[in-house]
Amino acid sequence: MAPRFNVAIILYPEADMIDFSGPTEIYSIGPLDFSPPPFKTTTFSSYSPVTCNSLTYVPDGNLSELEACLSEFDVLVVPGAHVVSIDKLLSTGEGRHLTQIIKKFSELPPRKEAGRRFLQSVCTGSLILAASDVLRGRTVTTHHMFYDALPLYADKAVGSDAAEGAAGVKVVKKRWVHAGKTEGNVEIVTAGGVSSGIDASLFVVELLAGKEAADWASEIVEFERRGEDEAWGVKK
């Protein structure tokens, strides 16, 4: 049986490796009988090869190719990086192209075959979502060191002269947050720092493919799932 859901994963220079490799691992896990996994992952970047910290990757396609077939993807994963690297990316034509693609994706209705569509950020990837102007009026999360920075990126996306708080973004201390649906019926999920992206991915797997698939993926990678309220620094 062919994969039921398609996942696009964004890569860019200096992106955090676990931010994208964690979700890639989760979405790549298939059943015990070695039948095809329910998800098919494809990586995209404006750069090829692209160096993320100490490793260099060759993406499957570029952003223009992603944009051309954007409606075929049910999940779009945007990883984070150090804020300096994100600012550098957003100042480039490639970065602006990425924000346009994210905005476009947020407006696409789900495929009939999938029934749901998700825009997922990991760690400071939420800053890129904010810069894409898709987080207005939403409650979200990000890496705990950048709670204060996230609303500023959202405000800037409203307009260069926008007042502080104009975007109405509220940041909460959570492992991940389901931030609701866009007008296009795309569901936004933002994860906390780094490893939180694995929990967020398991959450999306459960919503799309069922609890059994999510629990199986967790067992295969020997990852103890944390609840939404178990953010970094919150004692059980």
Protein backbone atom coordinates (compact mmCIF):
# COMPACT_ATOMS: atom_id res chain seq x y z
CA MET A 1 0.00 0.00 0.00
CA ALA A 2 1.32 3.44 -0.94
CA PRO A 3 1.94 6.03 1.79
CA ARG A 4 -1.23 7.89 2.73
CA PHE A 5 0.38 11.15 3.84
CA ASN A 6 3.13 13.30 2.35
CA VAL A 7 5.53 15.31 4.51
CA ALA A 8 7.74 18.15 3.24
CA ILE A 9 10.69 19.06 5.45
CA ILE A 10 12.55 22.33 5.02
CA LEU A 11 16.34 22.55 5.27
CA TYR A 12 18.45 25.70 5.31
CA PRO A 13 22.00 26.66 6.34
CA GLU A 14 22.71 26.17 10.06
CA ALA A 15 19.28 24.70 10.80
CA ASP A 16 19.35 22.61 13.97
CA MET A 17 19.87 18.97 13.05
CA ILE A 18 17.50 17.40 15.59
CA ASP A 19 14.80 19.93 14.66
CA PHE A 20 14.42 18.26 11.28
CA SER A 21 16.03 14.83 11.73
CA GLY A 22 13.81 14.02 14.74
CA PRO A 23 10.56 14.58 12.81
CA THR A 24 12.07 12.89 9.72
CA GLU A 25 12.79 9.78 11.80
CA ILE A 26 9.28 9.69 13.26
CA TYR A 27 7.54 10.21 9.92
CA SER A 28 9.73 7.54 8.27
CA ILE A 29 8.86 4.64 10.57
CA GLY A 30 6.83 1.85 9.03
CA PRO A 31 4.88 -1.09 10.45
CA LEU A 32 6.48 -4.20 11.94
CA ASP A 33 5.67 -6.24 8.82
CA PHE A 34 7.89 -3.92 6.72
CA SER A 35 4.97 -2.69 4.68
CA PRO A 36 5.28 0.93 3.49
CA PRO A 37 5.08 3.55 6.25
CA PRO A 38 1.95 5.72 6.32
CA PHE A 39 4.09 8.81 5.68
CA LYS A 40 6.49 9.69 2.89
CA THR A 41 9.07 12.39 3.67
CA THR A 42 10.72 14.71 1.14
CA THR A 43 13.32 17.37 1.94
CA PHE A 44 13.53 20.76 0.26
CA SER A 45 16.02 23.61 0.36
CA SER A 46 17.17 26.60 -1.66
CA TYR A 47 20.68 25.27 -1.17
CA SER A 48 22.21 22.01 -2.39
CA PRO A 49 24.20 20.76 -0.69
CA VAL A 50 23.19 22.49 2.54
CA THR A 51 25.29 22.45 5.71
CA CYS A 52 23.41 22.28 9.00
CA ASN A 53 25.85 22.64 11.86
CA SER A 54 28.46 19.90 11.37
CA LEU A 55 26.71 17.80 8.72
CA THR A 56 26.04 18.44 5.03
CA TYR A 57 22.89 17.23 3.30
CA VAL A 58 21.67 16.89 -0.27
CA PRO A 59 17.95 17.77 -0.29
CA ASP A 60 15.48 15.99 -2.54
CA GLY A 61 14.38 19.21 -4.20
CA ASN A 62 14.50 22.99 -4.15
CA LEU A 63 11.88 25.47 -2.96
CA SER A 64 10.60 26.19 -6.45
CA GLU A 65 9.93 22.48 -6.92
CA LEU A 66 8.17 22.40 -3.55
CA GLU A 67 6.01 25.37 -4.49
CA ALA A 68 5.00 23.71 -7.75
CA CYS A 69 3.60 20.67 -5.95
CA LEU A 70 2.76 22.26 -2.58
CA SER A 71 -0.83 21.05 -2.55
CA GLU A 72 0.38 17.43 -2.57
CA PHE A 73 1.84 17.71 0.94
CA ASP A 74 -0.15 17.09 4.09
CA VAL A 75 2.53 18.23 6.54
CA LEU A 76 5.12 20.99 6.19
CA VAL A 77 7.87 20.93 8.83
CA VAL A 78 9.89 24.11 9.48
CA PRO A 79 12.93 23.59 11.76
CA GLY A 80 14.62 26.23 13.87
CA ALA A 81 18.16 27.51 14.28
CA HIS A 82 20.04 30.10 16.29
CA VAL A 83 18.22 33.40 15.95
CA VAL A 84 21.25 34.92 14.20
CA SER A 85 20.99 32.24 11.51
CA ILE A 86 17.25 32.80 11.18
CA ASP A 87 17.70 36.55 10.79
CA LYS A 88 20.36 35.93 8.16
CA LEU A 89 18.01 33.59 6.28
CA LEU A 90 15.04 35.96 6.45
CA SER A 91 17.16 38.80 5.02
CA THR A 92 17.78 36.85 1.81
CA GLY A 93 15.66 36.25 -1.26
CA GLU A 94 15.65 32.55 -0.39
CA GLY A 95 14.29 33.32 3.06
CA ARG A 96 11.58 35.56 1.69
CA HIS A 97 10.65 32.85 -0.81
CA LEU A 98 10.31 30.41 2.08
CA THR A 99 7.96 32.72 3.97
CA GLN A 100 5.83 33.07 0.83
CA ILE A 101 5.61 29.30 0.52
CA ILE A 102 4.63 28.94 4.18
CA LYS A 103 1.92 31.55 3.76
CA LYS A 104 0.66 29.83 0.61
CA PHE A 105 0.65 26.43 2.34
CA SER A 106 -1.39 27.85 5.22
CA GLU A 107 -4.13 28.80 2.75
CA LEU A 108 -4.42 25.41 1.00
CA PRO A 109 -7.42 23.26 1.91
CA PRO A 110 -6.53 19.68 2.92
CA ARG A 111 -6.32 16.99 0.27
CA LYS A 112 -9.47 14.87 0.15
CA GLU A 113 -7.33 11.74 0.49
CA ALA A 114 -5.80 12.98 3.76
CA GLY A 115 -8.64 14.97 5.30
CA ARG A 116 -6.31 17.22 7.29
CA ARG A 117 -3.26 19.40 6.64
CA PHE A 118 -0.62 20.52 9.16
CA LEU A 119 1.91 23.34 9.30
CA GLN A 120 4.46 22.30 11.92
CA SER A 121 7.32 24.33 13.39
CA VAL A 122 10.05 23.01 15.65
CA CYS A 123 11.92 25.18 18.15
CA THR A 124 12.66 28.63 16.71
CA GLY A 125 11.16 27.55 13.41
CA SER A 126 8.15 29.32 14.91
CA LEU A 127 9.98 32.61 14.31
CA ILE A 128 9.91 31.80 10.60
CA LEU A 129 6.20 31.06 10.83
CA ALA A 130 5.74 34.39 12.62
CA ALA A 131 7.70 36.18 9.88
CA SER A 132 5.38 34.50 7.36
CA ASP A 133 2.41 36.19 9.06
CA VAL A 134 0.53 32.98 9.85
CA LEU A 135 0.46 33.27 13.66
CA ARG A 136 -1.72 36.36 14.15
CA GLY A 137 -3.99 36.04 17.14
CA ARG A 138 -2.71 32.58 18.04
CA THR A 139 -1.40 30.94 21.18
CA VAL A 140 1.91 29.24 20.35
CA THR A 141 5.21 28.09 21.79
CA THR A 142 8.88 28.01 20.85
CA HIS A 143 12.30 27.39 22.44
CA HIS A 144 12.15 28.62 26.02
CA MET A 145 14.96 31.12 25.43
CA PHE A 146 12.96 32.93 22.74
CA TYR A 147 9.51 33.35 24.28
CA ASP A 148 9.92 37.13 24.21
CA ALA A 149 11.32 37.23 20.68
CA LEU A 150 8.52 35.36 18.94
CA PRO A 151 5.82 38.08 19.24
CA LEU A 152 8.26 40.64 17.84
CA TYR A 153 8.66 38.64 14.62
CA ALA A 154 4.88 38.37 14.34
CA ASP A 155 4.46 42.11 14.94
CA LYS A 156 7.04 42.92 12.28
CA ALA A 157 5.13 40.78 9.78
CA VAL A 158 2.05 42.93 10.39
CA GLY A 159 4.01 46.00 9.26
CA SER A 160 7.30 47.76 9.92
CA ASP A 161 5.50 50.46 11.90
CA ALA A 162 3.18 48.10 13.78
CA ALA A 163 2.84 48.67 17.50
CA GLU A 164 4.16 46.11 19.96
CA GLY A 165 1.60 43.36 20.34
CA ALA A 166 -0.16 44.22 17.08
CA ALA A 167 -0.12 40.59 15.92
CA GLY A 168 -1.83 39.42 19.09
CA VAL A 169 0.45 36.41 19.52
CA LYS A 170 0.52 34.76 22.94
CA VAL A 171 3.48 32.52 23.82
CA VAL A 172 2.99 29.80 26.43
CA LYS A 173 5.31 27.37 28.16
CA LYS A 174 4.30 24.08 26.55
CA ARG A 175 5.97 21.04 25.01
CA TRP A 176 3.91 21.73 21.90
CA VAL A 177 0.78 23.70 21.06
CA HIS A 178 -2.02 23.02 18.62
CA ALA A 179 -2.58 26.63 17.54
CA GLY A 180 -5.85 26.09 15.71
CA LYS A 181 -6.82 26.24 12.05
CA THR A 182 -6.27 28.84 9.36
CA GLU A 183 -9.01 30.07 7.08
CA GLY A 184 -7.84 27.39 4.65
CA ASN A 185 -8.43 24.76 7.36
CA VAL A 186 -4.71 24.10 7.86
CA GLU A 187 -3.84 23.14 11.43
CA ILE A 188 -0.80 24.82 12.98
CA VAL A 189 1.33 22.95 15.51
CA THR A 190 4.28 24.70 17.15
CA ALA A 191 6.83 22.77 19.23
CA GLY A 192 9.16 23.90 21.98
CA GLY A 193 12.91 23.49 21.75
CA VAL A 194 14.70 20.84 19.69
CA SER A 195 13.57 17.44 21.06
CA SER A 196 10.06 18.81 21.55
CA GLY A 197 9.72 18.42 17.80
CA ILE A 198 9.72 14.64 18.23
CA ASP A 199 6.74 14.85 20.58
CA ALA A 200 4.96 17.25 18.23
CA SER A 201 5.56 14.87 15.32
CA LEU A 202 4.17 11.94 17.31
CA PHE A 203 1.15 14.11 18.09
CA VAL A 204 0.59 14.77 14.37
CA VAL A 205 1.12 11.08 13.55
CA GLU A 206 -1.55 10.18 16.09
CA LEU A 207 -3.99 12.70 14.61
CA LEU A 208 -3.43 11.52 11.03
CA ALA A 209 -2.58 7.81 11.29
CA GLY A 210 -3.90 6.86 14.73
CA LYS A 211 -2.59 6.22 18.23
CA GLU A 212 -1.28 2.78 17.36
CA ALA A 213 1.02 4.22 14.69
CA ALA A 214 2.27 6.94 17.05
CA ASP A 215 2.90 4.50 19.90
CA TRP A 216 4.73 2.15 17.53
CA ALA A 217 6.98 4.94 16.28
CA SER A 218 7.73 5.94 19.87
CA GLU A 219 8.61 2.35 20.76
CA ILE A 220 10.89 1.89 17.75
CA VAL A 221 12.98 4.97 18.58
CA GLU A 222 12.79 4.22 22.34
CA PHE A 223 11.42 7.69 22.98
CA GLU A 224 9.31 8.30 26.07
CA ARG A 225 6.53 10.61 24.99
CA ARG A 226 5.86 13.76 26.98
CA GLY A 227 2.53 15.49 27.28
CA GLU A 228 1.71 18.93 25.97
CA ASP A 229 2.08 20.45 29.44
CA GLU A 230 5.50 18.89 30.08
CA ALA A 231 7.58 21.78 28.75
CA TRP A 232 11.28 22.17 29.46
CA GLY A 233 11.78 23.04 33.12
CA VAL A 234 8.31 21.88 34.21
CA LYS A 235 8.59 19.17 36.85
CA LYS A 236 6.31 16.14 36.60
